[in-house]
């Protein structure tokens, strides 16, 4: 099943994004950044692909910086 991972410039943004998303009713999970996307240690936010646009809008409205959004599948 396709899903989306959202990368952030720091762990601080990722944790803040998770809290904001869950508080707004999104189903999200913090996961380690897949190695093929970044060699940096860190976490990213995983959500279903159908939540991508509304979640991206929420994060932008809240001033949470996004480094990248990638579609992946299991």
C-alpha atoms as a PDB file:
ATOM      1  CA  UNK A   1       0.000   0.000   0.000  1.00  0.00           C
ATOM      2  CA  UNK A   2       1.444   3.413  -0.934  1.00  0.00           C
ATOM      3  CA  UNK A   3       2.309   5.850   1.808  1.00  0.00           C
ATOM      4  CA  UNK A   4       4.053   9.179   2.217  1.00  0.00           C
ATOM      5  CA  UNK A   5       7.049  10.149   4.318  1.00  0.00           C
ATOM      6  CA  UNK A   6       7.594  13.784   5.180  1.00  0.00           C
ATOM      7  CA  UNK A   7      11.152  14.856   5.967  1.00  0.00           C
ATOM      8  CA  UNK A   8      12.018  17.827   8.147  1.00  0.00           C
ATOM      9  CA  UNK A   9      15.177  19.900   8.645  1.00  0.00           C
ATOM     10  CA  UNK A  10      15.429  18.756  12.283  1.00  0.00           C
ATOM     11  CA  UNK A  11      13.995  16.290  14.761  1.00  0.00           C
ATOM     12  CA  UNK A  12      12.367  19.232  16.538  1.00  0.00           C
ATOM     13  CA  UNK A  13      10.146  19.896  13.502  1.00  0.00           C
ATOM     14  CA  UNK A  14       9.309  16.198  13.124  1.00  0.00           C
ATOM     15  CA  UNK A  15       8.157  15.871  16.745  1.00  0.00           C
ATOM     16  CA  UNK A  16       6.186  19.098  16.525  1.00  0.00           C
ATOM     17  CA  UNK A  17       4.559  17.931  13.273  1.00  0.00           C
ATOM     18  CA  UNK A  18       3.569  14.605  14.837  1.00  0.00           C
ATOM     19  CA  UNK A  19       1.956  16.333  17.803  1.00  0.00           C
ATOM     20  CA  UNK A  20       0.100  18.794  15.536  1.00  0.00           C
ATOM     21  CA  UNK A  21      -1.075  16.060  13.143  1.00  0.00           C
ATOM     22  CA  UNK A  22      -2.322  13.712  15.862  1.00  0.00           C
ATOM     23  CA  UNK A  23      -4.070  16.597  17.596  1.00  0.00           C
ATOM     24  CA  UNK A  24      -5.907  17.313  14.343  1.00  0.00           C
ATOM     25  CA  UNK A  25      -7.025  13.704  13.876  1.00  0.00           C
ATOM     26  CA  UNK A  26      -4.453  12.461  11.356  1.00  0.00           C
ATOM     27  CA  UNK A  27      -3.092   8.930  11.591  1.00  0.00           C
ATOM     28  CA  UNK A  28       0.683   9.411  11.525  1.00  0.00           C
ATOM     29  CA  UNK A  29       3.784   7.731  12.896  1.00  0.00           C
ATOM     30  CA  UNK A  30       7.363   8.877  13.422  1.00  0.00           C
ATOM     31  CA  UNK A  31       9.790   6.470  11.744  1.00  0.00           C
ATOM     32  CA  UNK A  32      13.521   6.518  10.986  1.00  0.00           C
ATOM     33  CA  UNK A  33      14.304   8.263   7.704  1.00  0.00           C
ATOM     34  CA  UNK A  34      14.771   5.561   5.033  1.00  0.00           C
ATOM     35  CA  UNK A  35      18.460   5.336   4.108  1.00  0.00           C
ATOM     36  CA  UNK A  36      17.838   5.750   0.388  1.00  0.00           C
ATOM     37  CA  UNK A  37      16.303   9.187   1.093  1.00  0.00           C
ATOM     38  CA  UNK A  38      18.918  10.568   3.479  1.00  0.00           C
ATOM     39  CA  UNK A  39      22.087   9.372   5.155  1.00  0.00           C
ATOM     40  CA  UNK A  40      21.435  11.664   8.122  1.00  0.00           C
ATOM     41  CA  UNK A  41      20.215  10.123  11.328  1.00  0.00           C
ATOM     42  CA  UNK A  42      16.743  11.319  12.065  1.00  0.00           C
ATOM     43  CA  UNK A  43      13.061  10.690  11.934  1.00  0.00           C
ATOM     44  CA  UNK A  44      10.322  11.471   9.473  1.00  0.00           C
ATOM     45  CA  UNK A  45       6.550  11.410   9.578  1.00  0.00           C
ATOM     46  CA  UNK A  46       4.729   8.554   7.853  1.00  0.00           C
ATOM     47  CA  UNK A  47       1.089   8.819   6.741  1.00  0.00           C
ATOM     48  CA  UNK A  48      -1.207   7.298   4.149  1.00  0.00           C
ATOM     49  CA  UNK A  49      -0.957   8.847   0.704  1.00  0.00           C
ATOM     50  CA  UNK A  50      -4.553  10.114   0.842  1.00  0.00           C
ATOM     51  CA  UNK A  51      -3.642  12.295   3.852  1.00  0.00           C
ATOM     52  CA  UNK A  52      -0.717  13.990   2.091  1.00  0.00           C
ATOM     53  CA  UNK A  53      -2.393  17.171   0.863  1.00  0.00           C
ATOM     54  CA  UNK A  54      -4.466  18.039   3.958  1.00  0.00           C
ATOM     55  CA  UNK A  55      -1.534  17.224   6.249  1.00  0.00           C
ATOM     56  CA  UNK A  56       0.865  19.304   4.171  1.00  0.00           C
ATOM     57  CA  UNK A  57      -1.578  22.245   4.338  1.00  0.00           C
ATOM     58  CA  UNK A  58      -1.871  21.910   8.128  1.00  0.00           C
ATOM     59  CA  UNK A  59       1.901  21.840   8.612  1.00  0.00           C
ATOM     60  CA  UNK A  60       2.384  24.882   6.382  1.00  0.00           C
ATOM     61  CA  UNK A  61      -0.334  26.803   8.240  1.00  0.00           C
ATOM     62  CA  UNK A  62       1.408  26.004  11.528  1.00  0.00           C
ATOM     63  CA  UNK A  63       4.792  27.168  10.225  1.00  0.00           C
ATOM     64  CA  UNK A  64       6.429  23.743  10.352  1.00  0.00           C
ATOM     65  CA  UNK A  65       9.264  23.563   7.818  1.00  0.00           C
ATOM     66  CA  UNK A  66       9.190  20.599   5.448  1.00  0.00           C
ATOM     67  CA  UNK A  67      12.373  19.393   3.775  1.00  0.00           C
ATOM     68  CA  UNK A  68      10.757  16.923   1.386  1.00  0.00           C
ATOM     69  CA  UNK A  69       7.782  14.656   0.731  1.00  0.00           C
ATOM     70  CA  UNK A  70       8.261  11.212  -0.810  1.00  0.00           C
ATOM     71  CA  UNK A  71       5.763   8.583  -1.948  1.00  0.00           C
ATOM     72  CA  UNK A  72       6.826   5.035  -1.043  1.00  0.00           C
ATOM     73  CA  UNK A  73       5.272   1.579  -0.887  1.00  0.00           C
ATOM     74  CA  UNK A  74       5.765  -1.445   1.350  1.00  0.00           C
END
